[in-house]
Every structure is written in C-alpha cells, then in structure tokens.
C-alpha atoms as a PDB file:
ATOM      1  CA  MET A   1       2.780   7.971  30.189  1.00  0.00           C
ATOM      2  CA  ASN A   2       3.675   8.877  27.164  1.00  0.00           C
ATOM      3  CA  VAL A   3       4.321   5.820  24.516  1.00  0.00           C
ATOM      4  CA  GLY A   4       6.561   6.092  21.689  1.00  0.00           C
ATOM      5  CA  VAL A   5       5.727   4.560  18.009  1.00  0.00           C
ATOM      6  CA  ALA A   6       8.291   3.865  15.077  1.00  0.00           C
ATOM      7  CA  ILE A   7       6.644   4.691  11.789  1.00  0.00           C
ATOM      8  CA  VAL A   8       9.240   2.588   9.286  1.00  0.00           C
ATOM      9  CA  ASP A   9       7.894   4.221   6.101  1.00  0.00           C
ATOM     10  CA  GLU A  10       8.876   7.188   3.540  1.00  0.00           C
ATOM     11  CA  GLY A  11       9.001   9.835   6.418  1.00  0.00           C
ATOM     12  CA  ILE A  12       6.646  12.077   7.904  1.00  0.00           C
ATOM     13  CA  ASP A  13       6.140  15.752   7.826  1.00  0.00           C
ATOM     14  CA  PHE A  14       6.293  16.972  10.999  1.00  0.00           C
ATOM     15  CA  LEU A  15       4.923  20.501   9.987  1.00  0.00           C
ATOM     16  CA  HIS A  16       1.512  18.956   8.494  1.00  0.00           C
ATOM     17  CA  PRO A  17      -1.838  20.696   9.884  1.00  0.00           C
ATOM     18  CA  ALA A  18      -3.188  16.980  10.748  1.00  0.00           C
ATOM     19  CA  LEU A  19       0.047  16.716  13.020  1.00  0.00           C
ATOM     20  CA  THR A  20      -0.464  19.926  15.100  1.00  0.00           C
ATOM     21  CA  GLY A  21       0.872  19.596  18.350  1.00  0.00           C
ATOM     22  CA  CYS A  22       2.424  16.123  18.113  1.00  0.00           C
ATOM     23  CA  LYS A  23       5.617  15.122  19.698  1.00  0.00           C
ATOM     24  CA  TYR A  24       8.418  13.231  17.841  1.00  0.00           C
ATOM     25  CA  THR A  25      12.251  12.847  18.970  1.00  0.00           C
ATOM     26  CA  ASP A  26      13.799  11.978  15.695  1.00  0.00           C
ATOM     27  CA  GLU A  27      13.433  11.615  12.099  1.00  0.00           C
ATOM     28  CA  VAL A  28      15.856   8.869  10.958  1.00  0.00           C
ATOM     29  CA  VAL A  29      17.392   7.689   7.548  1.00  0.00           C
ATOM     30  CA  ILE A  30      18.014   4.092   6.612  1.00  0.00           C
ATOM     31  CA  SER A  31      19.544   3.495   3.268  1.00  0.00           C
ATOM     32  CA  GLU A  32      22.066   1.201   1.750  1.00  0.00           C
ATOM     33  CA  GLU A  33      24.813   3.554   3.479  1.00  0.00           C
ATOM     34  CA  GLY A  34      23.712   3.207   6.876  1.00  0.00           C
ATOM     35  CA  VAL A  35      21.500   5.035   9.353  1.00  0.00           C
ATOM     36  CA  VAL A  36      21.711   9.078   8.975  1.00  0.00           C
ATOM     37  CA  LEU A  37      19.642  11.636  10.993  1.00  0.00           C
ATOM     38  CA  VAL A  38      17.943  14.210   9.000  1.00  0.00           C
ATOM     39  CA  ASP A  39      15.417  17.447   9.392  1.00  0.00           C
ATOM     40  CA  LYS A  40      12.215  16.834   7.322  1.00  0.00           C
ATOM     41  CA  MET A  41      10.474  14.216   5.489  1.00  0.00           C
ATOM     42  CA  PRO A  42       7.133  14.619   3.882  1.00  0.00           C
ATOM     43  CA  SER A  43       5.593  11.755   2.940  1.00  0.00           C
ATOM     44  CA  HIS A  44       3.128   8.350   3.347  1.00  0.00           C
ATOM     45  CA  GLY A  45       4.231   8.373   7.086  1.00  0.00           C
ATOM     46  CA  THR A  46       2.595  11.389   7.409  1.00  0.00           C
ATOM     47  CA  ASN A  47      -0.977   9.875   6.842  1.00  0.00           C
ATOM     48  CA  ILE A  48      -0.161   6.723   8.531  1.00  0.00           C
ATOM     49  CA  ALA A  49       1.128   9.284  11.630  1.00  0.00           C
ATOM     50  CA  SER A  50      -2.123  11.242  11.316  1.00  0.00           C
ATOM     51  CA  VAL A  51      -4.544   8.759  12.397  1.00  0.00           C
ATOM     52  CA  ILE A  52      -2.361   7.528  14.965  1.00  0.00           C
ATOM     53  CA  HIS A  53      -2.354  11.112  16.222  1.00  0.00           C
ATOM     54  CA  GLN A  54      -5.825  11.339  16.070  1.00  0.00           C
ATOM     55  CA  ALA A  55      -6.276   8.203  18.242  1.00  0.00           C
ATOM     56  CA  SER A  56      -4.019   9.731  20.856  1.00  0.00           C
ATOM     57  CA  LYS A  57      -2.372  12.483  21.933  1.00  0.00           C
ATOM     58  CA  ALA A  58      -0.144  10.474  24.605  1.00  0.00           C
ATOM     59  CA  ILE A  59       2.534   9.438  21.852  1.00  0.00           C
ATOM     60  CA  PHE A  60       5.269  10.710  20.172  1.00  0.00           C
ATOM     61  CA  PHE A  61       6.531   9.564  16.673  1.00  0.00           C
ATOM     62  CA  VAL A  62      10.260   8.249  15.778  1.00  0.00           C
ATOM     63  CA  SER A  63      10.015   8.932  11.554  1.00  0.00           C
ATOM     64  CA  ILE A  64      12.178   6.031  10.335  1.00  0.00           C
ATOM     65  CA  ARG A  65      12.677   6.685   6.208  1.00  0.00           C
ATOM     66  CA  LEU A  66      13.625   3.613   4.257  1.00  0.00           C
ATOM     67  CA  VAL A  67      15.609   4.810   1.098  1.00  0.00           C
ATOM     68  CA  ALA A  68      17.056   2.598  -1.679  1.00  0.00           C
ATOM     69  CA  LYS A  69      18.394   3.283  -5.163  1.00  0.00           C
ATOM     70  CA  GLY A  70      15.975   0.460  -6.419  1.00  0.00           C
ATOM     71  CA  ARG A  71      12.997  -1.154  -4.323  1.00  0.00           C
ATOM     72  CA  ILE A  72      13.016  -1.250  -0.602  1.00  0.00           C
ATOM     73  CA  ASN A  73      14.474  -4.656   0.092  1.00  0.00           C
ATOM     74  CA  ALA A  74      14.150  -7.216   3.171  1.00  0.00           C
ATOM     75  CA  MET A  75      17.958  -5.906   4.540  1.00  0.00           C
ATOM     76  CA  LEU A  76      16.826  -2.353   4.638  1.00  0.00           C
ATOM     77  CA  LEU A  77      14.007  -3.215   6.861  1.00  0.00           C
ATOM     78  CA  CYS A  78      16.054  -5.510   9.040  1.00  0.00           C
ATOM     79  CA  ARG A  79      18.493  -2.745   9.568  1.00  0.00           C
ATOM     80  CA  ALA A  80      15.451  -0.431  10.623  1.00  0.00           C
ATOM     81  CA  LEU A  81      14.130  -3.121  12.613  1.00  0.00           C
ATOM     82  CA  GLU A  82      17.192  -3.572  14.085  1.00  0.00           C
ATOM     83  CA  TYR A  83      17.927   0.126  15.144  1.00  0.00           C
ATOM     84  CA  CYS A  84      14.246   0.272  16.755  1.00  0.00           C
ATOM     85  CA  ALA A  85      15.362  -2.523  18.808  1.00  0.00           C
ATOM     86  CA  THR A  86      18.267  -0.693  20.476  1.00  0.00           C
ATOM     87  CA  ARG A  87      15.803   2.411  21.540  1.00  0.00           C
ATOM     88  CA  THR A  88      14.276   1.761  24.842  1.00  0.00           C
ATOM     89  CA  ASP A  89      11.395   4.827  23.907  1.00  0.00           C
ATOM     90  CA  ILE A  90       9.901   2.717  21.305  1.00  0.00           C
ATOM     91  CA  ARG A  91       6.920   0.721  22.038  1.00  0.00           C
ATOM     92  CA  ILE A  92       4.970   0.461  18.789  1.00  0.00           C
ATOM     93  CA  ILE A  93       6.521  -0.115  15.358  1.00  0.00           C
ATOM     94  CA  ASN A  94       4.320   0.216  12.809  1.00  0.00           C
ATOM     95  CA  ILE A  95       5.490  -0.977   9.307  1.00  0.00           C
ATOM     96  CA  SER A  96       3.766   0.247   5.864  1.00  0.00           C
ATOM     97  CA  LEU A  97       5.101  -2.450   3.608  1.00  0.00           C
ATOM     98  CA  GLY A  98       5.667  -6.082   3.221  1.00  0.00           C
ATOM     99  CA  PHE A  99       7.358  -8.727   1.045  1.00  0.00           C
ATOM    100  CA  LEU A 100       5.114 -10.865  -0.853  1.00  0.00           C
ATOM    101  CA  SER A 101       6.747 -14.808  -0.526  1.00  0.00           C
ATOM    102  CA  SER A 102       6.187 -18.127   0.073  1.00  0.00           C
ATOM    103  CA  ASN A 103       9.545 -18.183   1.865  1.00  0.00           C
ATOM    104  CA  PRO A 104       9.626 -15.923   4.724  1.00  0.00           C
ATOM    105  CA  PRO A 105      12.549 -13.952   4.540  1.00  0.00           C
ATOM    106  CA  VAL A 106      14.622 -15.375   7.676  1.00  0.00           C
ATOM    107  CA  LEU A 107      16.732 -12.317   8.557  1.00  0.00           C
ATOM    108  CA  VAL A 108      13.708 -10.350   8.467  1.00  0.00           C
ATOM    109  CA  GLU A 109      12.120 -12.916  11.185  1.00  0.00           C
ATOM    110  CA  LYS A 110      14.797 -12.899  13.562  1.00  0.00           C
ATOM    111  CA  ALA A 111      14.855  -8.841  13.344  1.00  0.00           C
ATOM    112  CA  CYS A 112      11.213  -8.755  13.840  1.00  0.00           C
ATOM    113  CA  ARG A 113      11.440 -11.391  16.835  1.00  0.00           C
ATOM    114  CA  GLN A 114      14.624  -9.202  18.790  1.00  0.00           C
ATOM    115  CA  CYS A 115      11.866  -6.429  18.497  1.00  0.00           C
ATOM    116  CA  VAL A 116       9.118  -8.302  19.982  1.00  0.00           C
ATOM    117  CA  GLU A 117      11.614  -9.711  22.637  1.00  0.00           C
ATOM    118  CA  SER A 118      12.341  -6.056  23.844  1.00  0.00           C
ATOM    119  CA  GLY A 119       8.768  -5.415  24.670  1.00  0.00           C
ATOM    120  CA  MET A 120       7.591  -4.186  21.238  1.00  0.00           C
ATOM    121  CA  ILE A 121       4.608  -4.384  19.602  1.00  0.00           C
ATOM    122  CA  LEU A 122       4.808  -5.141  15.499  1.00  0.00           C
ATOM    123  CA  VAL A 123       2.170  -4.105  13.313  1.00  0.00           C
ATOM    124  CA  ALA A 124       2.268  -4.549   9.445  1.00  0.00           C
ATOM    125  CA  ALA A 125       0.850  -4.062   6.093  1.00  0.00           C
ATOM    126  CA  ALA A 126      -0.648  -7.403   4.835  1.00  0.00           C
ATOM    127  CA  HIS A 127      -2.145  -8.548   1.621  1.00  0.00           C
ATOM    128  CA  TYR A 128      -5.919  -8.055   1.193  1.00  0.00           C
ATOM    129  CA  GLU A 129      -6.132 -11.595   0.084  1.00  0.00           C
ATOM    130  CA  ARG A 130      -5.269 -13.696   3.146  1.00  0.00           C
ATOM    131  CA  LYS A 131      -4.417 -16.475   0.958  1.00  0.00           C
ATOM    132  CA  LYS A 132      -1.330 -14.547  -0.048  1.00  0.00           C
ATOM    133  CA  TYR A 133       1.618 -14.331   2.277  1.00  0.00           C
ATOM    134  CA  CYS A 134       3.099 -10.491   2.886  1.00  0.00           C
ATOM    135  CA  TYR A 135       5.888 -10.893   5.219  1.00  0.00           C
ATOM    136  CA  PRO A 136       6.539  -9.195   8.214  1.00  0.00           C
ATOM    137  CA  ALA A 137       2.896  -9.653   8.687  1.00  0.00           C
ATOM    138  CA  ALA A 138       2.571 -13.144   8.322  1.00  0.00           C
ATOM    139  CA  PHE A 139       4.708 -13.471  11.011  1.00  0.00           C
ATOM    140  CA  PRO A 140       2.732 -14.882  14.154  1.00  0.00           C
ATOM    141  CA  THR A 141       4.466 -12.201  16.029  1.00  0.00           C
ATOM    142  CA  VAL A 142       3.629  -9.539  14.063  1.00  0.00           C
ATOM    143  CA  TYR A 143       0.002  -7.775  13.496  1.00  0.00           C
ATOM    144  CA  GLY A 144      -0.869  -7.586   9.928  1.00  0.00           C
ATOM    145  CA  LEU A 145      -3.645  -5.040   8.620  1.00  0.00           C
ATOM    146  CA  GLY A 146      -4.746  -4.954   5.055  1.00  0.00           C
ATOM    147  CA  THR A 147      -6.518  -2.702   3.000  1.00  0.00           C
ATOM    148  CA  GLY A 148     -10.146  -3.193   1.880  1.00  0.00           C
ATOM    149  CA  ILE A 149     -11.516  -3.332  -1.627  1.00  0.00           C
ATOM    150  CA  ALA A 150     -14.450  -0.996  -2.328  1.00  0.00           C
ATOM    151  CA  LYS A 151     -16.251  -1.884  -5.320  1.00  0.00           C
ATOM    152  CA  LYS A 152     -18.744   0.191  -6.888  1.00  0.00           C
ATOM    153  CA  HIS A 153     -22.174  -0.372  -6.011  1.00  0.00           C
ATOM    154  CA  GLN A 154     -24.911  -0.649  -9.031  1.00  0.00           C
END
C-alpha cells in the first residue's frame, strides 16, 4: 500500500538523483494570494524527501511550498494544513518549520487538530533546546523533531 506524505517546506526537486524512482502526485504552492499548482520546485524539501524516499519506496509525495513576501507566517501554515486535511490520500505531513513562542498560535493548533482528526500523522521541526516551545511541534498532537548540536572534539 502506498502512503501519501505531504512535505510542507520550500518545495521538492523531483528530478534530483536522490529521488530517482520516487512517486509524487502534486506540487502545490500556498502563498499569500492562495493555492496554485505548479511544475518544478527545487529547495530544502528535496533533502527531507530524499531521506524519506530512502527509508521507504512505498510512499508518494505531495510537495506543499509556502511562499511569502516576507517571512513564512502562521496563516500560510494554516492554509497548507487545511489543504492537506481535504486530501484523502495524505497520511503523513512533514512540516519543516516552526514558530518560537510562549503563546501557541490558536489557528495553527486548530488546523493541526483538523488533520489529526482526519487520521493524519504530523511531524514538525522542534527547537533543539527543549525548554523553548516551537509550534506546531510543541502541540501534543504533533511529533516534534529537533536537530542535534555537534561540537568540535578536542
């Protein structure tokens, strides 16, 4: 059985050699102007997709590229999550971003809950310092993944 994985990021270059043979359905751009289907999107999402593709060939990707004039904001992420919630073929959503805050963005929490209630698993970028809350990773319905800090050994 193929599993749909949405990568919410800056796009995926499906022509990259690390993604040879991978399956994908759509490349979607969510911008301040709305939702647009597009052709090719090279960027950070390519690395995430290649790691997942190497782990399992029984998946297909949906690339969700967030585009803003300034910084990516909570409203764009909400639009992406709401779009994913309408898709019956997506089972996992990888969110390669987060918002550091002591007050969780209520709209993002609601959009995450909507996806989880639709049977989706959400994985999001977390801060490497556990004391710093990074949303949506800090929500109890989302799996948070942080990065390790490598220090030079003497």
